[in-house]
């Protein structure tokens, strides 16, 4: 899909955990992707119950991005601020919590 993990280890790699209370908890960072393409496709067992919108910071002051977790299971990034436009070198996903369909 064109998106990459920001690094190769630790908090630089995008990961998600399904918690016991039907929540998906994301950590990590992504970069260098196409804002028109999803950076993650969740499996059917982790599809969001609804479409959710989140704001997340970038690497520099003023960089804010919008993350949309669609009910179809695709997660996409959009620009929220002019400071972030044309910059996709560091998008932080730490702490995003997405309610998902019950098992």
C-alpha atoms as a PDB file:
ATOM      1  CA  UNK A   1       0.000   0.000   0.000  1.00  0.00           C
ATOM      2  CA  UNK A   2       3.019   2.322  -0.044  1.00  0.00           C
ATOM      3  CA  UNK A   3       3.130   3.023   3.690  1.00  0.00           C
ATOM      4  CA  UNK A   4       6.127   1.987   5.766  1.00  0.00           C
ATOM      5  CA  UNK A   5       6.892   1.516   9.416  1.00  0.00           C
ATOM      6  CA  UNK A   6       8.975   4.408  10.728  1.00  0.00           C
ATOM      7  CA  UNK A   7      11.663   2.005  11.937  1.00  0.00           C
ATOM      8  CA  UNK A   8      12.439  -1.652  12.409  1.00  0.00           C
ATOM      9  CA  UNK A   9      11.971  -2.140  16.156  1.00  0.00           C
ATOM     10  CA  UNK A  10      10.185  -0.919  19.258  1.00  0.00           C
ATOM     11  CA  UNK A  11       7.618   1.871  19.094  1.00  0.00           C
ATOM     12  CA  UNK A  12       8.521   2.659  15.482  1.00  0.00           C
ATOM     13  CA  UNK A  13       6.568  -0.351  14.189  1.00  0.00           C
ATOM     14  CA  UNK A  14       2.781  -0.151  13.884  1.00  0.00           C
ATOM     15  CA  UNK A  15       1.061  -2.855  15.920  1.00  0.00           C
ATOM     16  CA  UNK A  16      -2.370  -3.478  17.357  1.00  0.00           C
ATOM     17  CA  UNK A  17      -3.720  -5.507  20.243  1.00  0.00           C
ATOM     18  CA  UNK A  18      -7.289  -6.647  20.691  1.00  0.00           C
ATOM     19  CA  UNK A  19      -8.224  -6.154  24.320  1.00  0.00           C
ATOM     20  CA  UNK A  20     -10.764  -8.286  26.202  1.00  0.00           C
ATOM     21  CA  UNK A  21     -13.388  -5.531  26.186  1.00  0.00           C
ATOM     22  CA  UNK A  22     -13.712  -5.420  22.347  1.00  0.00           C
ATOM     23  CA  UNK A  23     -11.237  -2.581  21.945  1.00  0.00           C
ATOM     24  CA  UNK A  24      -8.308  -2.486  19.529  1.00  0.00           C
ATOM     25  CA  UNK A  25      -5.277  -0.606  20.893  1.00  0.00           C
ATOM     26  CA  UNK A  26      -2.738   0.721  18.345  1.00  0.00           C
ATOM     27  CA  UNK A  27       0.860   1.770  18.894  1.00  0.00           C
ATOM     28  CA  UNK A  28       3.709   2.720  16.594  1.00  0.00           C
ATOM     29  CA  UNK A  29       4.378   5.090  13.715  1.00  0.00           C
ATOM     30  CA  UNK A  30       4.084   5.084   9.933  1.00  0.00           C
ATOM     31  CA  UNK A  31       5.574   7.266   7.193  1.00  0.00           C
ATOM     32  CA  UNK A  32       6.091   7.835   3.467  1.00  0.00           C
ATOM     33  CA  UNK A  33       2.675   6.783   2.266  1.00  0.00           C
ATOM     34  CA  UNK A  34      -0.052   8.015  -0.039  1.00  0.00           C
ATOM     35  CA  UNK A  35      -2.804   9.797   1.911  1.00  0.00           C
ATOM     36  CA  UNK A  36      -5.321   8.355  -0.560  1.00  0.00           C
ATOM     37  CA  UNK A  37      -4.381   4.769   0.302  1.00  0.00           C
ATOM     38  CA  UNK A  38      -5.038   2.810   3.509  1.00  0.00           C
ATOM     39  CA  UNK A  39      -2.057   2.097   5.741  1.00  0.00           C
ATOM     40  CA  UNK A  40      -3.702  -0.862   7.457  1.00  0.00           C
ATOM     41  CA  UNK A  41      -6.479  -3.372   6.743  1.00  0.00           C
ATOM     42  CA  UNK A  42      -7.909  -4.945   9.864  1.00  0.00           C
ATOM     43  CA  UNK A  43      -9.014  -8.575   9.738  1.00  0.00           C
ATOM     44  CA  UNK A  44     -12.743  -9.285   9.731  1.00  0.00           C
ATOM     45  CA  UNK A  45     -12.560 -10.261  13.407  1.00  0.00           C
ATOM     46  CA  UNK A  46     -11.365  -6.728  14.257  1.00  0.00           C
ATOM     47  CA  UNK A  47     -13.595  -4.536  12.094  1.00  0.00           C
ATOM     48  CA  UNK A  48     -14.699  -1.295  13.790  1.00  0.00           C
ATOM     49  CA  UNK A  49     -18.324  -1.135  14.876  1.00  0.00           C
ATOM     50  CA  UNK A  50     -18.695   2.277  13.177  1.00  0.00           C
ATOM     51  CA  UNK A  51     -16.407   4.668  11.326  1.00  0.00           C
ATOM     52  CA  UNK A  52     -14.196   6.539  13.805  1.00  0.00           C
ATOM     53  CA  UNK A  53     -12.143   9.716  13.395  1.00  0.00           C
ATOM     54  CA  UNK A  54      -8.972  10.473  15.385  1.00  0.00           C
ATOM     55  CA  UNK A  55      -6.390  13.257  15.465  1.00  0.00           C
ATOM     56  CA  UNK A  56      -2.773  12.250  15.876  1.00  0.00           C
ATOM     57  CA  UNK A  57       0.501  14.235  15.967  1.00  0.00           C
ATOM     58  CA  UNK A  58       3.406  14.197  13.577  1.00  0.00           C
ATOM     59  CA  UNK A  59       7.075  14.753  14.295  1.00  0.00           C
ATOM     60  CA  UNK A  60       7.162  18.562  14.225  1.00  0.00           C
ATOM     61  CA  UNK A  61       5.232  21.298  15.997  1.00  0.00           C
ATOM     62  CA  UNK A  62       1.918  21.909  14.271  1.00  0.00           C
ATOM     63  CA  UNK A  63       1.781  18.638  12.348  1.00  0.00           C
ATOM     64  CA  UNK A  64      -1.598  17.086  12.985  1.00  0.00           C
ATOM     65  CA  UNK A  65      -3.075  14.243  10.969  1.00  0.00           C
ATOM     66  CA  UNK A  66      -6.543  12.744  10.845  1.00  0.00           C
ATOM     67  CA  UNK A  67      -6.836   8.963  11.052  1.00  0.00           C
ATOM     68  CA  UNK A  68     -10.109   7.375   9.952  1.00  0.00           C
ATOM     69  CA  UNK A  69     -10.894   3.805  10.954  1.00  0.00           C
ATOM     70  CA  UNK A  70     -13.691   2.762   8.629  1.00  0.00           C
ATOM     71  CA  UNK A  71     -16.360   0.209   9.408  1.00  0.00           C
ATOM     72  CA  UNK A  72     -14.964  -1.712   6.404  1.00  0.00           C
ATOM     73  CA  UNK A  73     -11.742  -2.329   8.366  1.00  0.00           C
ATOM     74  CA  UNK A  74      -9.500   0.076   6.428  1.00  0.00           C
ATOM     75  CA  UNK A  75      -7.465   2.711   8.281  1.00  0.00           C
ATOM     76  CA  UNK A  76      -6.546   5.833   6.290  1.00  0.00           C
ATOM     77  CA  UNK A  77      -4.647   9.055   6.990  1.00  0.00           C
ATOM     78  CA  UNK A  78      -5.759  12.545   5.944  1.00  0.00           C
ATOM     79  CA  UNK A  79      -4.194  15.982   6.485  1.00  0.00           C
ATOM     80  CA  UNK A  80      -5.712  18.035   9.273  1.00  0.00           C
ATOM     81  CA  UNK A  81      -3.467  21.096   9.192  1.00  0.00           C
ATOM     82  CA  UNK A  82      -1.584  23.038   6.536  1.00  0.00           C
ATOM     83  CA  UNK A  83       1.643  22.420   8.466  1.00  0.00           C
ATOM     84  CA  UNK A  84       1.279  18.690   7.865  1.00  0.00           C
ATOM     85  CA  UNK A  85       0.471  18.910   4.137  1.00  0.00           C
ATOM     86  CA  UNK A  86       3.201  17.407   1.960  1.00  0.00           C
ATOM     87  CA  UNK A  87       4.799  15.849   5.043  1.00  0.00           C
ATOM     88  CA  UNK A  88       4.132  12.230   5.824  1.00  0.00           C
ATOM     89  CA  UNK A  89       7.481  11.343   7.346  1.00  0.00           C
ATOM     90  CA  UNK A  90       6.229  10.563  10.863  1.00  0.00           C
ATOM     91  CA  UNK A  91       2.650   9.832  11.849  1.00  0.00           C
ATOM     92  CA  UNK A  92       2.124   8.634  15.396  1.00  0.00           C
ATOM     93  CA  UNK A  93      -0.561   6.038  16.127  1.00  0.00           C
ATOM     94  CA  UNK A  94       0.229   5.502  19.824  1.00  0.00           C
ATOM     95  CA  UNK A  95      -2.816   5.237  22.019  1.00  0.00           C
ATOM     96  CA  UNK A  96      -5.508   5.067  19.341  1.00  0.00           C
ATOM     97  CA  UNK A  97      -8.330   2.931  20.707  1.00  0.00           C
ATOM     98  CA  UNK A  98     -10.944   1.604  18.303  1.00  0.00           C
ATOM     99  CA  UNK A  99     -14.105  -0.199  19.455  1.00  0.00           C
ATOM    100  CA  UNK A 100     -14.436  -3.349  17.325  1.00  0.00           C
ATOM    101  CA  UNK A 101     -17.133  -5.919  16.671  1.00  0.00           C
ATOM    102  CA  UNK A 102     -17.674  -8.409  19.489  1.00  0.00           C
ATOM    103  CA  UNK A 103     -16.172 -11.854  18.994  1.00  0.00           C
END
